[in-house]
N, C-alpha and C. Protein backbone atom coordinates (compact mmCIF):
# COMPACT_ATOMS: atom_id res chain seq x y z
N MET A 1 0.83 -1.19 0.00
CA MET A 1 0.00 0.00 0.00
C MET A 1 0.88 1.25 0.00
N ALA A 2 0.56 2.17 -0.90
CA ALA A 2 1.33 3.41 -1.00
C ALA A 2 0.50 4.58 -0.48
N LYS A 3 1.20 5.63 -0.09
CA LYS A 3 0.54 6.88 0.29
C LYS A 3 0.59 7.78 -0.95
N ILE A 4 -0.59 8.15 -1.46
CA ILE A 4 -0.67 8.92 -2.69
C ILE A 4 -1.34 10.27 -2.43
N LEU A 5 -0.65 11.33 -2.81
CA LEU A 5 -1.18 12.69 -2.70
C LEU A 5 -1.92 13.02 -3.99
N VAL A 6 -3.20 13.39 -3.85
CA VAL A 6 -4.03 13.76 -5.00
C VAL A 6 -4.23 15.28 -4.96
N VAL A 7 -3.79 15.97 -6.01
CA VAL A 7 -3.87 17.43 -6.07
C VAL A 7 -4.80 17.83 -7.22
N ASP A 8 -5.95 18.44 -6.87
CA ASP A 8 -6.91 18.88 -7.88
C ASP A 8 -7.80 19.95 -7.27
N ASP A 9 -8.08 21.01 -8.03
CA ASP A 9 -8.93 22.09 -7.51
C ASP A 9 -10.42 21.80 -7.67
N SER A 10 -10.79 20.76 -8.39
CA SER A 10 -12.20 20.39 -8.56
C SER A 10 -12.59 19.37 -7.49
N PRO A 11 -13.54 19.72 -6.60
CA PRO A 11 -13.96 18.76 -5.57
C PRO A 11 -14.46 17.44 -6.15
N THR A 12 -15.15 17.50 -7.30
CA THR A 12 -15.66 16.29 -7.94
C THR A 12 -14.52 15.40 -8.42
N GLN A 13 -13.55 16.00 -9.13
CA GLN A 13 -12.40 15.23 -9.61
C GLN A 13 -11.60 14.67 -8.44
N LEU A 14 -11.44 15.48 -7.39
CA LEU A 14 -10.69 15.04 -6.21
C LEU A 14 -11.35 13.81 -5.60
N THR A 15 -12.66 13.88 -5.43
CA THR A 15 -13.41 12.75 -4.85
C THR A 15 -13.26 11.50 -5.72
N ASN A 16 -13.41 11.66 -7.04
CA ASN A 16 -13.31 10.52 -7.96
C ASN A 16 -11.92 9.88 -7.91
N LEU A 17 -10.88 10.71 -7.94
CA LEU A 17 -9.51 10.19 -7.91
C LEU A 17 -9.20 9.51 -6.58
N VAL A 18 -9.65 10.11 -5.48
CA VAL A 18 -9.43 9.50 -4.16
C VAL A 18 -10.09 8.13 -4.10
N LYS A 19 -11.32 8.04 -4.62
CA LYS A 19 -12.04 6.77 -4.63
C LYS A 19 -11.26 5.71 -5.42
N MET A 20 -10.74 6.10 -6.59
CA MET A 20 -9.96 5.16 -7.42
C MET A 20 -8.69 4.72 -6.70
N VAL A 21 -8.00 5.65 -6.07
CA VAL A 21 -6.76 5.35 -5.34
C VAL A 21 -7.06 4.38 -4.20
N GLU A 22 -8.12 4.67 -3.45
CA GLU A 22 -8.48 3.80 -2.32
C GLU A 22 -8.98 2.44 -2.78
N ASN A 23 -9.65 2.38 -3.93
CA ASN A 23 -10.09 1.09 -4.49
C ASN A 23 -8.90 0.19 -4.80
N GLN A 24 -7.74 0.80 -5.07
CA GLN A 24 -6.53 0.03 -5.37
C GLN A 24 -5.77 -0.35 -4.09
N GLY A 25 -6.33 0.02 -2.93
CA GLY A 25 -5.72 -0.35 -1.65
C GLY A 25 -4.69 0.64 -1.15
N HIS A 26 -4.63 1.84 -1.74
CA HIS A 26 -3.67 2.85 -1.32
C HIS A 26 -4.32 3.86 -0.39
N GLU A 27 -3.50 4.57 0.36
CA GLU A 27 -3.98 5.66 1.20
C GLU A 27 -3.93 6.95 0.39
N ALA A 28 -5.01 7.73 0.43
CA ALA A 28 -5.06 8.99 -0.32
C ALA A 28 -5.05 10.18 0.64
N ILE A 29 -4.22 11.16 0.30
CA ILE A 29 -4.25 12.45 0.97
C ILE A 29 -4.49 13.49 -0.12
N THR A 30 -5.02 14.66 0.24
CA THR A 30 -5.44 15.60 -0.81
C THR A 30 -4.90 17.02 -0.61
N ALA A 31 -4.90 17.74 -1.71
CA ALA A 31 -4.59 19.17 -1.73
C ALA A 31 -5.41 19.78 -2.87
N SER A 32 -5.77 21.06 -2.73
CA SER A 32 -6.66 21.66 -3.72
C SER A 32 -5.98 22.62 -4.69
N ASN A 33 -4.66 22.77 -4.61
CA ASN A 33 -3.92 23.54 -5.61
C ASN A 33 -2.44 23.18 -5.53
N GLY A 34 -1.66 23.68 -6.48
CA GLY A 34 -0.24 23.31 -6.56
C GLY A 34 0.56 23.71 -5.34
N LEU A 35 0.29 24.91 -4.79
CA LEU A 35 1.00 25.38 -3.61
C LEU A 35 0.74 24.47 -2.42
N GLU A 36 -0.55 24.18 -2.20
CA GLU A 36 -0.94 23.29 -1.11
C GLU A 36 -0.37 21.89 -1.35
N GLY A 37 -0.31 21.48 -2.61
CA GLY A 37 0.26 20.18 -2.95
C GLY A 37 1.71 20.06 -2.51
N ILE A 38 2.48 21.11 -2.76
CA ILE A 38 3.89 21.11 -2.35
C ILE A 38 4.01 21.07 -0.83
N GLU A 39 3.16 21.86 -0.14
CA GLU A 39 3.16 21.85 1.33
C GLU A 39 2.82 20.46 1.87
N GLN A 40 1.78 19.83 1.29
CA GLN A 40 1.38 18.50 1.72
C GLN A 40 2.48 17.47 1.43
N ALA A 41 3.14 17.61 0.30
CA ALA A 41 4.23 16.69 -0.03
C ALA A 41 5.35 16.79 1.02
N ARG A 42 5.67 18.01 1.44
CA ARG A 42 6.69 18.20 2.48
C ARG A 42 6.27 17.58 3.80
N ALA A 43 5.01 17.80 4.16
CA ALA A 43 4.50 17.33 5.45
C ALA A 43 4.25 15.83 5.49
N GLN A 44 3.72 15.28 4.40
CA GLN A 44 3.26 13.88 4.38
C GLN A 44 4.24 12.89 3.76
N LYS A 45 5.19 13.36 2.95
CA LYS A 45 6.14 12.49 2.26
C LYS A 45 5.43 11.33 1.54
N PRO A 46 4.57 11.66 0.55
CA PRO A 46 3.86 10.59 -0.16
C PRO A 46 4.81 9.77 -1.05
N ASP A 47 4.33 8.59 -1.44
CA ASP A 47 5.10 7.73 -2.35
C ASP A 47 4.92 8.17 -3.80
N LEU A 48 3.81 8.88 -4.06
CA LEU A 48 3.43 9.27 -5.42
C LEU A 48 2.49 10.46 -5.34
N ILE A 49 2.51 11.31 -6.37
CA ILE A 49 1.59 12.44 -6.45
C ILE A 49 0.82 12.38 -7.76
N LEU A 50 -0.51 12.51 -7.67
CA LEU A 50 -1.36 12.67 -8.85
C LEU A 50 -1.68 14.15 -8.92
N MET A 51 -1.29 14.82 -10.01
CA MET A 51 -1.34 16.28 -10.09
C MET A 51 -2.18 16.76 -11.26
N ASP A 52 -3.20 17.57 -10.96
CA ASP A 52 -3.95 18.26 -12.01
C ASP A 52 -3.03 19.32 -12.60
N VAL A 53 -3.35 19.85 -13.77
CA VAL A 53 -2.53 20.90 -14.36
C VAL A 53 -3.18 22.27 -14.20
N VAL A 54 -4.45 22.40 -14.59
CA VAL A 54 -5.11 23.71 -14.57
C VAL A 54 -5.67 23.97 -13.17
N MET A 55 -4.92 24.77 -12.39
CA MET A 55 -5.31 25.10 -11.02
C MET A 55 -4.88 26.52 -10.68
N PRO A 56 -5.56 27.14 -9.69
CA PRO A 56 -5.14 28.47 -9.25
C PRO A 56 -3.85 28.38 -8.41
N GLU A 57 -3.29 29.53 -8.08
CA GLU A 57 -2.08 29.63 -7.26
C GLU A 57 -0.83 29.20 -8.04
N LEU A 58 -0.71 27.90 -8.25
CA LEU A 58 0.45 27.32 -8.92
C LEU A 58 -0.10 26.19 -9.78
N ASN A 59 0.10 26.23 -11.10
CA ASN A 59 -0.46 25.16 -11.91
C ASN A 59 0.37 23.87 -11.76
N GLY A 60 -0.17 22.79 -12.28
CA GLY A 60 0.48 21.49 -12.12
C GLY A 60 1.84 21.37 -12.77
N PHE A 61 2.04 22.05 -13.90
CA PHE A 61 3.36 22.04 -14.53
C PHE A 61 4.38 22.72 -13.62
N GLN A 62 4.01 23.89 -13.08
CA GLN A 62 4.91 24.63 -12.18
C GLN A 62 5.20 23.84 -10.91
N ALA A 63 4.14 23.26 -10.33
CA ALA A 63 4.31 22.50 -9.08
C ALA A 63 5.19 21.26 -9.32
N THR A 64 4.98 20.58 -10.44
CA THR A 64 5.79 19.40 -10.77
C THR A 64 7.26 19.79 -10.93
N ARG A 65 7.51 20.89 -11.61
CA ARG A 65 8.88 21.37 -11.79
C ARG A 65 9.52 21.68 -10.43
N LYS A 66 8.77 22.37 -9.54
CA LYS A 66 9.30 22.71 -8.21
C LYS A 66 9.61 21.45 -7.40
N ILE A 67 8.71 20.47 -7.46
CA ILE A 67 8.91 19.22 -6.73
C ILE A 67 10.16 18.50 -7.23
N ASN A 68 10.32 18.42 -8.55
CA ASN A 68 11.46 17.71 -9.12
C ASN A 68 12.80 18.39 -8.87
N LYS A 69 12.78 19.72 -8.72
CA LYS A 69 14.03 20.45 -8.48
C LYS A 69 14.35 20.56 -6.99
N ASP A 70 13.42 20.14 -6.13
CA ASP A 70 13.59 20.26 -4.69
C ASP A 70 14.38 19.06 -4.15
N ALA A 71 15.43 19.33 -3.38
CA ALA A 71 16.28 18.26 -2.85
C ALA A 71 15.50 17.28 -1.98
N GLU A 72 14.56 17.80 -1.21
CA GLU A 72 13.78 16.97 -0.28
C GLU A 72 12.69 16.17 -0.99
N LEU A 73 12.09 16.75 -2.03
CA LEU A 73 10.92 16.14 -2.68
C LEU A 73 11.23 15.48 -4.02
N GLY A 74 12.41 15.73 -4.57
CA GLY A 74 12.75 15.31 -5.92
C GLY A 74 12.57 13.84 -6.25
N GLY A 75 12.59 12.98 -5.27
CA GLY A 75 12.44 11.55 -5.53
C GLY A 75 11.00 11.08 -5.63
N ILE A 76 10.05 11.97 -5.38
CA ILE A 76 8.64 11.58 -5.40
C ILE A 76 8.12 11.68 -6.85
N PRO A 77 7.68 10.57 -7.43
CA PRO A 77 7.17 10.63 -8.81
C PRO A 77 5.83 11.36 -8.88
N VAL A 78 5.62 12.07 -9.97
CA VAL A 78 4.37 12.82 -10.21
C VAL A 78 3.73 12.30 -11.49
N ILE A 79 2.45 11.97 -11.41
CA ILE A 79 1.65 11.63 -12.59
C ILE A 79 0.70 12.79 -12.81
N LEU A 80 0.76 13.41 -13.98
CA LEU A 80 -0.17 14.49 -14.30
C LEU A 80 -1.50 13.89 -14.74
N VAL A 81 -2.60 14.38 -14.15
CA VAL A 81 -3.94 13.91 -14.50
C VAL A 81 -4.71 15.17 -14.89
N THR A 82 -4.96 15.35 -16.18
CA THR A 82 -5.42 16.65 -16.67
C THR A 82 -6.35 16.56 -17.87
N THR A 83 -7.08 17.64 -18.11
CA THR A 83 -7.93 17.74 -19.30
C THR A 83 -7.10 18.15 -20.51
N LYS A 84 -5.87 18.62 -20.29
CA LYS A 84 -5.01 19.07 -21.39
C LYS A 84 -4.53 17.84 -22.17
N ASP A 85 -5.07 17.68 -23.38
CA ASP A 85 -4.85 16.43 -24.11
C ASP A 85 -3.99 16.58 -25.37
N GLN A 86 -3.33 17.70 -25.53
CA GLN A 86 -2.48 17.89 -26.72
C GLN A 86 -1.12 17.22 -26.51
N GLU A 87 -0.54 16.76 -27.59
CA GLU A 87 0.79 16.13 -27.52
C GLU A 87 1.83 17.09 -26.92
N THR A 88 1.70 18.39 -27.26
CA THR A 88 2.65 19.38 -26.72
C THR A 88 2.53 19.47 -25.19
N ASP A 89 1.31 19.30 -24.66
CA ASP A 89 1.11 19.32 -23.20
C ASP A 89 1.82 18.13 -22.56
N LYS A 90 1.70 16.96 -23.19
CA LYS A 90 2.35 15.76 -22.67
C LYS A 90 3.87 15.92 -22.67
N VAL A 91 4.40 16.45 -23.76
CA VAL A 91 5.85 16.66 -23.87
C VAL A 91 6.30 17.67 -22.80
N TRP A 92 5.54 18.75 -22.65
CA TRP A 92 5.88 19.76 -21.65
C TRP A 92 5.84 19.16 -20.25
N GLY A 93 4.84 18.32 -19.98
CA GLY A 93 4.73 17.65 -18.69
C GLY A 93 5.96 16.79 -18.40
N GLU A 94 6.39 16.04 -19.41
CA GLU A 94 7.59 15.21 -19.26
C GLU A 94 8.82 16.08 -18.99
N ARG A 95 8.90 17.23 -19.67
CA ARG A 95 10.03 18.14 -19.46
C ARG A 95 10.06 18.70 -18.04
N GLN A 96 8.88 18.78 -17.42
CA GLN A 96 8.82 19.28 -16.04
C GLN A 96 9.18 18.17 -15.04
N GLY A 97 9.30 16.95 -15.56
CA GLY A 97 9.70 15.83 -14.71
C GLY A 97 8.59 14.85 -14.39
N ALA A 98 7.44 14.97 -15.04
CA ALA A 98 6.34 14.04 -14.76
C ALA A 98 6.71 12.62 -15.16
N ALA A 99 6.33 11.67 -14.32
CA ALA A 99 6.62 10.25 -14.57
C ALA A 99 5.53 9.61 -15.41
N GLY A 100 4.38 10.30 -15.53
CA GLY A 100 3.27 9.77 -16.31
C GLY A 100 2.28 10.86 -16.62
N TYR A 101 1.34 10.57 -17.54
CA TYR A 101 0.38 11.57 -18.00
C TYR A 101 -0.92 10.87 -18.33
N ILE A 102 -2.00 11.27 -17.68
CA ILE A 102 -3.32 10.68 -17.93
C ILE A 102 -4.28 11.81 -18.27
N VAL A 103 -5.06 11.64 -19.34
CA VAL A 103 -6.05 12.64 -19.74
C VAL A 103 -7.37 12.33 -19.04
N LYS A 104 -7.97 13.39 -18.45
CA LYS A 104 -9.27 13.24 -17.79
C LYS A 104 -10.37 13.10 -18.83
N PRO A 105 -11.44 12.42 -18.48
CA PRO A 105 -11.68 11.79 -17.19
C PRO A 105 -10.85 10.51 -17.05
N ALA A 106 -10.17 10.41 -15.93
CA ALA A 106 -9.32 9.23 -15.68
C ALA A 106 -10.19 7.99 -15.54
N GLN A 107 -9.74 6.92 -16.16
CA GLN A 107 -10.42 5.63 -16.03
C GLN A 107 -9.64 4.79 -15.03
N GLU A 108 -10.34 4.13 -14.14
CA GLU A 108 -9.67 3.40 -13.06
C GLU A 108 -8.64 2.37 -13.55
N PRO A 109 -8.94 1.56 -14.58
CA PRO A 109 -7.93 0.59 -15.03
C PRO A 109 -6.64 1.27 -15.51
N GLU A 110 -6.78 2.37 -16.25
CA GLU A 110 -5.62 3.11 -16.75
C GLU A 110 -4.83 3.71 -15.58
N LEU A 111 -5.55 4.31 -14.62
CA LEU A 111 -4.91 4.92 -13.46
C LEU A 111 -4.19 3.86 -12.62
N ALA A 112 -4.85 2.73 -12.40
CA ALA A 112 -4.25 1.65 -11.61
C ALA A 112 -2.97 1.13 -12.27
N ALA A 113 -3.01 0.95 -13.59
CA ALA A 113 -1.84 0.47 -14.32
C ALA A 113 -0.70 1.47 -14.26
N MET A 114 -1.02 2.76 -14.38
CA MET A 114 0.01 3.81 -14.34
C MET A 114 0.64 3.87 -12.94
N ILE A 115 -0.19 3.80 -11.90
CA ILE A 115 0.33 3.82 -10.52
C ILE A 115 1.26 2.64 -10.31
N LYS A 116 0.82 1.47 -10.75
CA LYS A 116 1.62 0.26 -10.59
C LYS A 116 2.96 0.38 -11.33
N ARG A 117 2.92 0.91 -12.56
CA ARG A 117 4.13 1.08 -13.35
C ARG A 117 5.09 2.06 -12.69
N VAL A 118 4.58 3.19 -12.25
CA VAL A 118 5.44 4.23 -11.67
C VAL A 118 6.02 3.81 -10.33
N LEU A 119 5.22 3.11 -9.52
CA LEU A 119 5.73 2.69 -8.21
C LEU A 119 6.59 1.41 -8.30
N GLY A 120 6.54 0.77 -9.48
CA GLY A 120 7.37 -0.43 -9.68
C GLY A 120 6.73 -1.62 -9.05
């Protein structure tokens, strides 16, 4: 069982992703924007982060870049879960250090497979 931080500004998306994470037997913790996500990552030390992209305060690309460049947090893999479905968005996400990319609405089998792949 892994501890997974779910970062999304939509309460509906947050609830759906938490449900999927918990259905896979993992513990879910949440944050509602990129800034809060970074704070929660520092406090909770999750095994994995599921990160939305379009959010207030700090978007998911910015938050992922900050996490990857941070000495304390850099080892935590980030999977971007977003409505941004263009190939350029995926490439940009990878450049920020994302370990995976899922287009919303996330499907549980796809999310479960990605979590399993990223966590090894």
